[in-house]
C-alpha atoms as a PDB file:
ATOM      1  CA  UNK A   1      -5.114   9.695  11.437  1.00  0.00           C
ATOM      2  CA  UNK A   2      -5.747   5.732  11.535  1.00  0.00           C
ATOM      3  CA  UNK A   3      -4.318   3.708   8.205  1.00  0.00           C
ATOM      4  CA  UNK A   4      -4.597   0.274   8.366  1.00  0.00           C
ATOM      5  CA  UNK A   5      -2.450  -1.190   4.472  1.00  0.00           C
ATOM      6  CA  UNK A   6      -3.159  -5.149   4.639  1.00  0.00           C
ATOM      7  CA  UNK A   7       0.178  -6.355   3.404  1.00  0.00           C
ATOM      8  CA  UNK A   8       3.458  -5.161   3.302  1.00  0.00           C
ATOM      9  CA  UNK A   9       5.909  -6.470   0.142  1.00  0.00           C
ATOM     10  CA  UNK A  10       6.965  -3.568  -2.262  1.00  0.00           C
ATOM     11  CA  UNK A  11       4.317  -0.566  -3.080  1.00  0.00           C
ATOM     12  CA  UNK A  12       2.274  -1.627   0.888  1.00  0.00           C
ATOM     13  CA  UNK A  13       5.805  -1.836   2.234  1.00  0.00           C
ATOM     14  CA  UNK A  14       6.667   2.100   1.227  1.00  0.00           C
ATOM     15  CA  UNK A  15       3.749   3.252   2.087  1.00  0.00           C
ATOM     16  CA  UNK A  16       3.967   2.126   5.364  1.00  0.00           C
ATOM     17  CA  UNK A  17       7.026   3.593   5.368  1.00  0.00           C
ATOM     18  CA  UNK A  18       6.094   7.286   3.774  1.00  0.00           C
ATOM     19  CA  UNK A  19       3.123   7.899   5.229  1.00  0.00           C
ATOM     20  CA  UNK A  20       4.192   7.609   8.826  1.00  0.00           C
ATOM     21  CA  UNK A  21       6.464   9.806   7.825  1.00  0.00           C
ATOM     22  CA  UNK A  22       4.218  11.696   7.668  1.00  0.00           C
ATOM     23  CA  UNK A  23       2.703  11.817  10.910  1.00  0.00           C
ATOM     24  CA  UNK A  24      -0.198   8.877   9.805  1.00  0.00           C
ATOM     25  CA  UNK A  25      -0.621   6.281  12.904  1.00  0.00           C
ATOM     26  CA  UNK A  26       0.007   2.578  10.621  1.00  0.00           C
ATOM     27  CA  UNK A  27      -0.480  -0.439  11.088  1.00  0.00           C
ATOM     28  CA  UNK A  28      -0.004  -2.777   8.382  1.00  0.00           C
ATOM     29  CA  UNK A  29       0.037  -6.749   8.738  1.00  0.00           C
ATOM     30  CA  UNK A  30       2.067  -9.179   7.202  1.00  0.00           C
ATOM     31  CA  UNK A  31       1.098 -13.572   6.694  1.00  0.00           C
ATOM     32  CA  UNK A  32       4.880 -14.311   7.789  1.00  0.00           C
ATOM     33  CA  UNK A  33       5.829 -14.603  11.366  1.00  0.00           C
ATOM     34  CA  UNK A  34       9.858 -14.146  10.699  1.00  0.00           C
ATOM     35  CA  UNK A  35       8.316  -9.983   9.659  1.00  0.00           C
ATOM     36  CA  UNK A  36       6.790  -8.972  12.533  1.00  0.00           C
ATOM     37  CA  UNK A  37       9.798  -7.496  14.302  1.00  0.00           C
ATOM     38  CA  UNK A  38      11.282  -6.137  10.566  1.00  0.00           C
ATOM     39  CA  UNK A  39       7.678  -4.371  10.039  1.00  0.00           C
ATOM     40  CA  UNK A  40       6.741  -3.821  14.040  1.00  0.00           C
ATOM     41  CA  UNK A  41      10.398  -1.015  14.711  1.00  0.00           C
ATOM     42  CA  UNK A  42       8.530   0.769  11.348  1.00  0.00           C
ATOM     43  CA  UNK A  43       4.860   0.679  11.818  1.00  0.00           C
ATOM     44  CA  UNK A  44       2.961   1.690  15.217  1.00  0.00           C
ATOM     45  CA  UNK A  45       1.025  -1.778  15.239  1.00  0.00           C
ATOM     46  CA  UNK A  46       1.570  -5.263  12.994  1.00  0.00           C
ATOM     47  CA  UNK A  47      -0.977  -8.357  12.800  1.00  0.00           C
ATOM     48  CA  UNK A  48      -0.169 -11.318  11.674  1.00  0.00           C
ATOM     49  CA  UNK A  49      -2.452 -12.595   9.356  1.00  0.00           C
ATOM     50  CA  UNK A  50      -3.850 -13.958   6.476  1.00  0.00           C
ATOM     51  CA  UNK A  51      -6.427 -11.965   4.369  1.00  0.00           C
ATOM     52  CA  UNK A  52      -9.779 -13.343   5.550  1.00  0.00           C
ATOM     53  CA  UNK A  53      -8.348 -13.812   8.733  1.00  0.00           C
ATOM     54  CA  UNK A  54     -12.697 -12.304   9.956  1.00  0.00           C
ATOM     55  CA  UNK A  55     -11.333 -12.315  13.439  1.00  0.00           C
ATOM     56  CA  UNK A  56      -8.103 -10.852  12.729  1.00  0.00           C
ATOM     57  CA  UNK A  57      -9.311  -7.951  10.009  1.00  0.00           C
ATOM     58  CA  UNK A  58     -11.814  -7.823  12.805  1.00  0.00           C
ATOM     59  CA  UNK A  59      -8.834  -6.728  15.043  1.00  0.00           C
ATOM     60  CA  UNK A  60      -7.308  -4.959  12.423  1.00  0.00           C
ATOM     61  CA  UNK A  61      -9.780  -2.105  11.044  1.00  0.00           C
ATOM     62  CA  UNK A  62     -11.290  -1.566  14.321  1.00  0.00           C
ATOM     63  CA  UNK A  63      -9.991   2.398  15.298  1.00  0.00           C
ATOM     64  CA  UNK A  64      -9.305   2.706  12.071  1.00  0.00           C
ATOM     65  CA  UNK A  65      -9.803   6.331   8.981  1.00  0.00           C
ATOM     66  CA  UNK A  66      -8.387   3.999   6.143  1.00  0.00           C
ATOM     67  CA  UNK A  67      -7.885   1.001   5.148  1.00  0.00           C
ATOM     68  CA  UNK A  68      -5.445   0.220   1.797  1.00  0.00           C
ATOM     69  CA  UNK A  69      -5.452  -3.399   0.617  1.00  0.00           C
ATOM     70  CA  UNK A  70      -1.600  -3.462  -0.831  1.00  0.00           C
ATOM     71  CA  UNK A  71      -2.038  -7.357  -0.719  1.00  0.00           C
ATOM     72  CA  UNK A  72       0.479  -9.823  -3.236  1.00  0.00           C
ATOM     73  CA  UNK A  73       0.285 -12.585  -2.708  1.00  0.00           C
ATOM     74  CA  UNK A  74       0.089 -16.677  -4.334  1.00  0.00           C
ATOM     75  CA  UNK A  75       3.107 -17.082  -5.780  1.00  0.00           C
ATOM     76  CA  UNK A  76       5.045 -20.415  -4.400  1.00  0.00           C
ATOM     77  CA  UNK A  77       7.872 -22.302  -5.903  1.00  0.00           C
ATOM     78  CA  UNK A  78       7.206 -25.732  -7.542  1.00  0.00           C
ATOM     79  CA  UNK A  79      10.309 -27.350  -8.892  1.00  0.00           C
ATOM     80  CA  UNK A  80      12.768 -23.932  -7.296  1.00  0.00           C
ATOM     81  CA  UNK A  81      11.152 -21.857  -9.805  1.00  0.00           C
ATOM     82  CA  UNK A  82       8.927 -19.612  -8.435  1.00  0.00           C
ATOM     83  CA  UNK A  83       5.173 -19.865  -9.993  1.00  0.00           C
ATOM     84  CA  UNK A  84       1.224 -18.757  -9.866  1.00  0.00           C
ATOM     85  CA  UNK A  85      -1.287 -21.311  -7.952  1.00  0.00           C
ATOM     86  CA  UNK A  86      -4.374 -19.366  -8.403  1.00  0.00           C
ATOM     87  CA  UNK A  87      -6.288 -20.842  -5.241  1.00  0.00           C
ATOM     88  CA  UNK A  88      -4.056 -18.646  -3.272  1.00  0.00           C
ATOM     89  CA  UNK A  89      -4.093 -15.856  -5.288  1.00  0.00           C
ATOM     90  CA  UNK A  90      -7.977 -15.657  -5.174  1.00  0.00           C
ATOM     91  CA  UNK A  91      -6.851 -16.425  -2.047  1.00  0.00           C
ATOM     92  CA  UNK A  92      -4.961 -13.101  -0.981  1.00  0.00           C
ATOM     93  CA  UNK A  93      -7.529 -10.126  -3.301  1.00  0.00           C
ATOM     94  CA  UNK A  94     -10.831 -12.190  -3.395  1.00  0.00           C
ATOM     95  CA  UNK A  95     -10.350 -13.999   0.061  1.00  0.00           C
ATOM     96  CA  UNK A  96      -9.418 -10.532   2.109  1.00  0.00           C
ATOM     97  CA  UNK A  97     -12.726  -9.059   0.216  1.00  0.00           C
ATOM     98  CA  UNK A  98     -14.216 -11.033   2.184  1.00  0.00           C
ATOM     99  CA  UNK A  99     -12.953 -10.511   5.384  1.00  0.00           C
ATOM    100  CA  UNK A 100     -13.668  -7.096   5.082  1.00  0.00           C
ATOM    101  CA  UNK A 101     -17.012  -6.892   4.324  1.00  0.00           C
ATOM    102  CA  UNK A 102     -18.180  -9.369   7.166  1.00  0.00           C
ATOM    103  CA  UNK A 103     -16.532  -7.406   9.582  1.00  0.00           C
ATOM    104  CA  UNK A 104     -17.466  -3.595   7.967  1.00  0.00           C
ATOM    105  CA  UNK A 105     -20.437  -2.819  10.322  1.00  0.00           C
ATOM    106  CA  UNK A 106     -17.856  -3.864  13.419  1.00  0.00           C
ATOM    107  CA  UNK A 107     -15.347   0.030  12.258  1.00  0.00           C
ATOM    108  CA  UNK A 108     -17.505   2.716  11.623  1.00  0.00           C
ATOM    109  CA  UNK A 109     -14.527   4.618  12.339  1.00  0.00           C
ATOM    110  CA  UNK A 110     -13.172   4.067   8.872  1.00  0.00           C
ATOM    111  CA  UNK A 111     -14.210   6.010   6.286  1.00  0.00           C
ATOM    112  CA  UNK A 112     -12.363   5.192   3.049  1.00  0.00           C
ATOM    113  CA  UNK A 113     -10.992   1.506   0.929  1.00  0.00           C
ATOM    114  CA  UNK A 114      -8.112   1.435  -0.801  1.00  0.00           C
ATOM    115  CA  UNK A 115      -7.632  -1.528  -2.684  1.00  0.00           C
ATOM    116  CA  UNK A 116      -4.464  -1.416  -5.971  1.00  0.00           C
ATOM    117  CA  UNK A 117      -5.135  -3.743  -8.534  1.00  0.00           C
ATOM    118  CA  UNK A 118      -4.468  -4.052 -11.978  1.00  0.00           C
ATOM    119  CA  UNK A 119      -5.429  -2.487 -15.476  1.00  0.00           C
ATOM    120  CA  UNK A 120      -5.734  -6.943 -16.233  1.00  0.00           C
ATOM    121  CA  UNK A 121      -8.695  -6.433 -15.345  1.00  0.00           C
ATOM    122  CA  UNK A 122      -9.766  -4.811 -18.859  1.00  0.00           C
ATOM    123  CA  UNK A 123      -8.520  -8.465 -21.080  1.00  0.00           C
ATOM    124  CA  UNK A 124      -8.352  -7.578 -24.627  1.00  0.00           C
ATOM    125  CA  UNK A 125     -11.705  -4.758 -23.294  1.00  0.00           C
ATOM    126  CA  UNK A 126     -14.019  -6.477 -25.674  1.00  0.00           C
ATOM    127  CA  UNK A 127     -12.164  -5.074 -28.319  1.00  0.00           C
ATOM    128  CA  UNK A 128     -11.677  -0.942 -27.997  1.00  0.00           C
ATOM    129  CA  UNK A 129      -8.580   0.114 -29.382  1.00  0.00           C
ATOM    130  CA  UNK A 130      -9.054   3.836 -26.343  1.00  0.00           C
ATOM    131  CA  UNK A 131      -9.714   2.292 -22.703  1.00  0.00           C
ATOM    132  CA  UNK A 132      -9.942   4.840 -19.782  1.00  0.00           C
ATOM    133  CA  UNK A 133     -12.540   4.063 -16.724  1.00  0.00           C
ATOM    134  CA  UNK A 134     -16.309   3.280 -18.005  1.00  0.00           C
ATOM    135  CA  UNK A 135     -14.493   0.862 -20.204  1.00  0.00           C
ATOM    136  CA  UNK A 136     -16.747  -2.662 -19.330  1.00  0.00           C
ATOM    137  CA  UNK A 137     -14.268  -4.845 -17.544  1.00  0.00           C
ATOM    138  CA  UNK A 138     -13.395  -7.805 -19.780  1.00  0.00           C
ATOM    139  CA  UNK A 139     -10.749 -10.273 -17.949  1.00  0.00           C
ATOM    140  CA  UNK A 140      -9.513 -12.348 -20.240  1.00  0.00           C
ATOM    141  CA  UNK A 141      -7.606 -14.897 -17.555  1.00  0.00           C
ATOM    142  CA  UNK A 142      -9.473 -15.821 -13.918  1.00  0.00           C
ATOM    143  CA  UNK A 143      -6.620 -14.302 -12.120  1.00  0.00           C
ATOM    144  CA  UNK A 144      -7.747 -11.086 -14.336  1.00  0.00           C
ATOM    145  CA  UNK A 145     -11.182 -12.051 -13.217  1.00  0.00           C
ATOM    146  CA  UNK A 146      -9.808 -11.752  -8.917  1.00  0.00           C
ATOM    147  CA  UNK A 147      -9.060  -8.001  -9.374  1.00  0.00           C
ATOM    148  CA  UNK A 148     -12.989  -7.592 -10.544  1.00  0.00           C
ATOM    149  CA  UNK A 149     -14.085 -10.330  -7.754  1.00  0.00           C
ATOM    150  CA  UNK A 150     -11.953  -7.852  -5.115  1.00  0.00           C
ATOM    151  CA  UNK A 151     -13.413  -4.675  -7.054  1.00  0.00           C
ATOM    152  CA  UNK A 152     -16.561  -5.832  -7.093  1.00  0.00           C
ATOM    153  CA  UNK A 153     -16.943  -7.224  -3.657  1.00  0.00           C
ATOM    154  CA  UNK A 154     -15.597  -3.505  -2.680  1.00  0.00           C
ATOM    155  CA  UNK A 155     -18.243  -1.238  -4.047  1.00  0.00           C
ATOM    156  CA  UNK A 156     -20.387  -3.977  -2.167  1.00  0.00           C
ATOM    157  CA  UNK A 157     -20.087  -1.787   1.104  1.00  0.00           C
ATOM    158  CA  UNK A 158     -19.142   1.918  -0.119  1.00  0.00           C
ATOM    159  CA  UNK A 159     -21.742   4.231   0.691  1.00  0.00           C
ATOM    160  CA  UNK A 160     -22.015   7.766   1.245  1.00  0.00           C
ATOM    161  CA  UNK A 161     -19.695   7.859   4.879  1.00  0.00           C
ATOM    162  CA  UNK A 162     -17.578   4.670   2.686  1.00  0.00           C
ATOM    163  CA  UNK A 163     -15.397   5.586   0.191  1.00  0.00           C
ATOM    164  CA  UNK A 164     -13.956   3.138  -1.643  1.00  0.00           C
ATOM    165  CA  UNK A 165     -11.354   4.255  -4.864  1.00  0.00           C
ATOM    166  CA  UNK A 166     -10.151   1.134  -6.865  1.00  0.00           C
ATOM    167  CA  UNK A 167      -6.942   2.104  -8.957  1.00  0.00           C
ATOM    168  CA  UNK A 168      -6.204   0.068 -11.674  1.00  0.00           C
ATOM    169  CA  UNK A 169      -1.810   0.279 -12.076  1.00  0.00           C
ATOM    170  CA  UNK A 170       0.362  -0.130 -14.890  1.00  0.00           C
ATOM    171  CA  UNK A 171       2.724  -3.409 -13.453  1.00  0.00           C
ATOM    172  CA  UNK A 172       4.845  -2.087 -11.682  1.00  0.00           C
ATOM    173  CA  UNK A 173       9.096  -1.126 -11.229  1.00  0.00           C
ATOM    174  CA  UNK A 174      11.442   1.015  -9.090  1.00  0.00           C
ATOM    175  CA  UNK A 175      14.926   0.291  -6.769  1.00  0.00           C
ATOM    176  CA  UNK A 176      14.889  -3.079  -6.045  1.00  0.00           C
ATOM    177  CA  UNK A 177      13.389  -4.466  -2.687  1.00  0.00           C
ATOM    178  CA  UNK A 178      14.400  -7.916  -1.735  1.00  0.00           C
ATOM    179  CA  UNK A 179      14.616 -11.222  -4.504  1.00  0.00           C
ATOM    180  CA  UNK A 180      12.255 -10.283  -6.851  1.00  0.00           C
ATOM    181  CA  UNK A 181      13.557  -7.929  -9.787  1.00  0.00           C
ATOM    182  CA  UNK A 182      12.060  -4.020  -9.055  1.00  0.00           C
ATOM    183  CA  UNK A 183      13.558  -3.012 -12.093  1.00  0.00           C
ATOM    184  CA  UNK A 184      12.566  -1.909 -15.940  1.00  0.00           C
ATOM    185  CA  UNK A 185      15.280  -4.049 -17.366  1.00  0.00           C
ATOM    186  CA  UNK A 186      16.468  -6.717 -13.874  1.00  0.00           C
ATOM    187  CA  UNK A 187      12.402  -7.676 -14.584  1.00  0.00           C
ATOM    188  CA  UNK A 188      12.269  -7.916 -19.043  1.00  0.00           C
ATOM    189  CA  UNK A 189      15.677  -9.865 -19.713  1.00  0.00           C
ATOM    190  CA  UNK A 190      14.993 -12.617 -17.740  1.00  0.00           C
ATOM    191  CA  UNK A 191      13.023 -13.273 -20.457  1.00  0.00           C
ATOM    192  CA  UNK A 192      14.438 -12.294 -22.721  1.00  0.00           C
ATOM    193  CA  UNK A 193      14.000 -14.394 -26.195  1.00  0.00           C
ATOM    194  CA  UNK A 194      11.186 -16.100 -24.229  1.00  0.00           C
ATOM    195  CA  UNK A 195       8.021 -16.129 -25.718  1.00  0.00           C
ATOM    196  CA  UNK A 196       5.461 -14.510 -23.781  1.00  0.00           C
ATOM    197  CA  UNK A 197       0.889 -15.323 -24.104  1.00  0.00           C
ATOM    198  CA  UNK A 198       0.709 -11.606 -23.476  1.00  0.00           C
ATOM    199  CA  UNK A 199       0.003  -9.180 -26.908  1.00  0.00           C
ATOM    200  CA  UNK A 200       3.344  -6.609 -28.008  1.00  0.00           C
ATOM    201  CA  UNK A 201       0.732  -4.980 -29.173  1.00  0.00           C
ATOM    202  CA  UNK A 202      -0.785  -4.052 -25.976  1.00  0.00           C
ATOM    203  CA  UNK A 203       0.685  -1.210 -24.526  1.00  0.00           C
ATOM    204  CA  UNK A 204       3.573  -1.071 -22.124  1.00  0.00           C
ATOM    205  CA  UNK A 205       1.549   0.250 -19.171  1.00  0.00           C
ATOM    206  CA  UNK A 206       4.104   1.195 -16.553  1.00  0.00           C
ATOM    207  CA  UNK A 207       3.968   2.906 -13.275  1.00  0.00           C
ATOM    208  CA  UNK A 208       6.473   3.695 -10.845  1.00  0.00           C
ATOM    209  CA  UNK A 209       6.123   2.016  -6.662  1.00  0.00           C
ATOM    210  CA  UNK A 210       6.619   5.947  -5.302  1.00  0.00           C
ATOM    211  CA  UNK A 211       3.768   7.131  -8.028  1.00  0.00           C
ATOM    212  CA  UNK A 212       0.976   4.285  -6.696  1.00  0.00           C
ATOM    213  CA  UNK A 213       2.741   4.369  -3.200  1.00  0.00           C
ATOM    214  CA  UNK A 214       1.765   8.727  -4.299  1.00  0.00           C
ATOM    215  CA  UNK A 215      -1.080   7.997  -5.232  1.00  0.00           C
ATOM    216  CA  UNK A 216      -1.905   6.285  -2.249  1.00  0.00           C
ATOM    217  CA  UNK A 217      -1.759   9.049  -0.453  1.00  0.00           C
ATOM    218  CA  UNK A 218      -3.527  11.631  -3.473  1.00  0.00           C
ATOM    219  CA  UNK A 219      -6.613   9.611  -2.761  1.00  0.00           C
ATOM    220  CA  UNK A 220      -6.801  10.404   0.741  1.00  0.00           C
ATOM    221  CA  UNK A 221      -6.342  13.507   0.925  1.00  0.00           C
ATOM    222  CA  UNK A 222      -8.767  14.353  -1.788  1.00  0.00           C
ATOM    223  CA  UNK A 223     -11.693  10.873  -0.146  1.00  0.00           C
ATOM    224  CA  UNK A 224     -11.734   9.851  -3.777  1.00  0.00           C
ATOM    225  CA  UNK A 225     -13.355   6.794  -4.895  1.00  0.00           C
ATOM    226  CA  UNK A 226     -14.459   4.652  -8.349  1.00  0.00           C
ATOM    227  CA  UNK A 227     -12.507   3.247 -10.249  1.00  0.00           C
ATOM    228  CA  UNK A 228      -8.430   4.807 -11.858  1.00  0.00           C
ATOM    229  CA  UNK A 229      -5.970   4.036 -14.291  1.00  0.00           C
ATOM    230  CA  UNK A 230      -2.646   4.595 -12.448  1.00  0.00           C
ATOM    231  CA  UNK A 231      -0.437   4.236 -15.319  1.00  0.00           C
ATOM    232  CA  UNK A 232       1.932   7.134 -16.328  1.00  0.00           C
ATOM    233  CA  UNK A 233       2.213   8.385 -19.944  1.00  0.00           C
ATOM    234  CA  UNK A 234       4.636   5.570 -21.809  1.00  0.00           C
ATOM    235  CA  UNK A 235       2.283   5.606 -24.507  1.00  0.00           C
ATOM    236  CA  UNK A 236       4.327   2.915 -26.403  1.00  0.00           C
ATOM    237  CA  UNK A 237       3.785  -1.068 -27.711  1.00  0.00           C
ATOM    238  CA  UNK A 238       5.356  -3.482 -24.751  1.00  0.00           C
ATOM    239  CA  UNK A 239       6.949  -4.412 -28.079  1.00  0.00           C
ATOM    240  CA  UNK A 240       8.527  -1.049 -28.401  1.00  0.00           C
ATOM    241  CA  UNK A 241       9.090   0.265 -25.243  1.00  0.00           C
ATOM    242  CA  UNK A 242      10.724  -3.369 -23.560  1.00  0.00           C
ATOM    243  CA  UNK A 243      13.102  -3.689 -27.066  1.00  0.00           C
ATOM    244  CA  UNK A 244      14.801  -0.748 -26.012  1.00  0.00           C
ATOM    245  CA  UNK A 245      16.009  -3.064 -22.737  1.00  0.00           C
ATOM    246  CA  UNK A 246      16.470  -5.720 -24.880  1.00  0.00           C
ATOM    247  CA  UNK A 247      19.146  -3.777 -27.299  1.00  0.00           C
ATOM    248  CA  UNK A 248      20.300  -1.549 -24.958  1.00  0.00           C
ATOM    249  CA  UNK A 249      21.674  -5.176 -23.281  1.00  0.00           C
ATOM    250  CA  UNK A 250      22.220  -6.705 -26.900  1.00  0.00           C
ATOM    251  CA  UNK A 251      20.100  -9.821 -25.253  1.00  0.00           C
ATOM    252  CA  UNK A 252      17.537 -10.837 -28.172  1.00  0.00           C
ATOM    253  CA  UNK A 253      13.765  -9.620 -28.421  1.00  0.00           C
ATOM    254  CA  UNK A 254      11.154 -10.931 -26.024  1.00  0.00           C
ATOM    255  CA  UNK A 255       8.280 -12.661 -28.341  1.00  0.00           C
ATOM    256  CA  UNK A 256       4.790 -11.623 -27.980  1.00  0.00           C
ATOM    257  CA  UNK A 257       2.879 -14.572 -29.179  1.00  0.00           C
ATOM    258  CA  UNK A 258      -0.932 -13.715 -27.829  1.00  0.00           C
ATOM    259  CA  UNK A 259      -1.085 -10.745 -30.923  1.00  0.00           C
ATOM    260  CA  UNK A 260      -4.551  -9.046 -31.279  1.00  0.00           C
ATOM    261  CA  UNK A 261      -5.635  -9.725 -27.648  1.00  0.00           C
ATOM    262  CA  UNK A 262      -5.132  -6.658 -25.371  1.00  0.00           C
ATOM    263  CA  UNK A 263      -6.076  -2.727 -26.359  1.00  0.00           C
ATOM    264  CA  UNK A 264      -4.220  -1.215 -27.763  1.00  0.00           C
ATOM    265  CA  UNK A 265      -4.012   2.873 -25.843  1.00  0.00           C
ATOM    266  CA  UNK A 266      -4.819   3.415 -21.971  1.00  0.00           C
ATOM    267  CA  UNK A 267      -5.620   6.170 -20.715  1.00  0.00           C
ATOM    268  CA  UNK A 268      -4.810   7.761 -18.157  1.00  0.00           C
ATOM    269  CA  UNK A 269      -6.366  10.873 -18.450  1.00  0.00           C
ATOM    270  CA  UNK A 270      -8.497  10.618 -14.755  1.00  0.00           C
ATOM    271  CA  UNK A 271      -6.675  10.877 -12.040  1.00  0.00           C
ATOM    272  CA  UNK A 272      -4.176  13.589 -13.776  1.00  0.00           C
ATOM    273  CA  UNK A 273      -7.734  15.356 -14.299  1.00  0.00           C
ATOM    274  CA  UNK A 274      -7.568  15.122 -10.459  1.00  0.00           C
ATOM    275  CA  UNK A 275      -5.717  17.175 -10.265  1.00  0.00           C
ATOM    276  CA  UNK A 276      -2.380  13.690  -9.498  1.00  0.00           C
ATOM    277  CA  UNK A 277       0.353  14.642 -11.689  1.00  0.00           C
ATOM    278  CA  UNK A 278       3.323  12.146 -11.723  1.00  0.00           C
ATOM    279  CA  UNK A 279       6.924  12.018 -10.987  1.00  0.00           C
ATOM    280  CA  UNK A 280       7.898   9.371 -13.724  1.00  0.00           C
ATOM    281  CA  UNK A 281       5.792   9.556 -16.193  1.00  0.00           C
ATOM    282  CA  UNK A 282       8.386   9.127 -19.350  1.00  0.00           C
ATOM    283  CA  UNK A 283       9.934   6.358 -16.850  1.00  0.00           C
ATOM    284  CA  UNK A 284      13.080   8.211 -16.942  1.00  0.00           C
ATOM    285  CA  UNK A 285      13.480   7.377 -12.661  1.00  0.00           C
ATOM    286  CA  UNK A 286      13.161   2.964 -12.705  1.00  0.00           C
ATOM    287  CA  UNK A 287      15.098   1.810  -9.687  1.00  0.00           C
ATOM    288  CA  UNK A 288      15.523   6.006  -8.050  1.00  0.00           C
ATOM    289  CA  UNK A 289      12.988   6.434  -4.728  1.00  0.00           C
ATOM    290  CA  UNK A 290      10.630   9.190  -5.848  1.00  0.00           C
ATOM    291  CA  UNK A 291       9.171   9.725  -2.095  1.00  0.00           C
ATOM    292  CA  UNK A 292       9.999  12.706  -0.181  1.00  0.00           C
END
């Protein structure tokens, strides 16, 4: 099968390696020319492009069966710190979707598009306690709105011949790759003793990177379409779950300062009912690779 992957950072890079090992022909994009050689040793084809580049997008999807959108973006360095820039974030997600929508008719072979979005699209879920895929999205920030706008653009080109599947993922953790902290403790400890603008009573909502990669393969193999929450079985609140990590390290807990702003539970029943089984359902395999 010919599979194009837009974005080869953390999840996209792992998906590239895993799916190519399974025998698929993989085309991959990067926005950085200095990564072309590295990716060229792993993929069948590398295209250096921004997602919003229509001509490059047309080139990428030509002859492809599946397009995986695992892009990330918007992070810039300012005054020695990495921060998210909304305009860049919007371009990475919405710009990519707009580009794909514009040129999709040039690639009639594409029969499935899969997007790894975020459960933050639900926002406060309108006050609903038990959130599933039928719960209306009420994004609470411009960054969360980006996910909804991207989803809507993609669902606009869905058809009986072209399925669109959206995974609303939890916070992704897993093996360390690159300079961005990936392990649960590595992500958590810098926030110890800090005030963090999220609801501590909201669900932890996490998922192992390799379960995301496996879910991408699962969506392809089972021709999934629609929205699926992709979080593991950890049902604790953020406050409870992350306090265990800070306690184990002997540091101050995180001060969650947005009480009542998030849902109280997030269901993963739909993806499990489809037959998917998490390899790290209880977040006990942090830092380990789970891919065969």
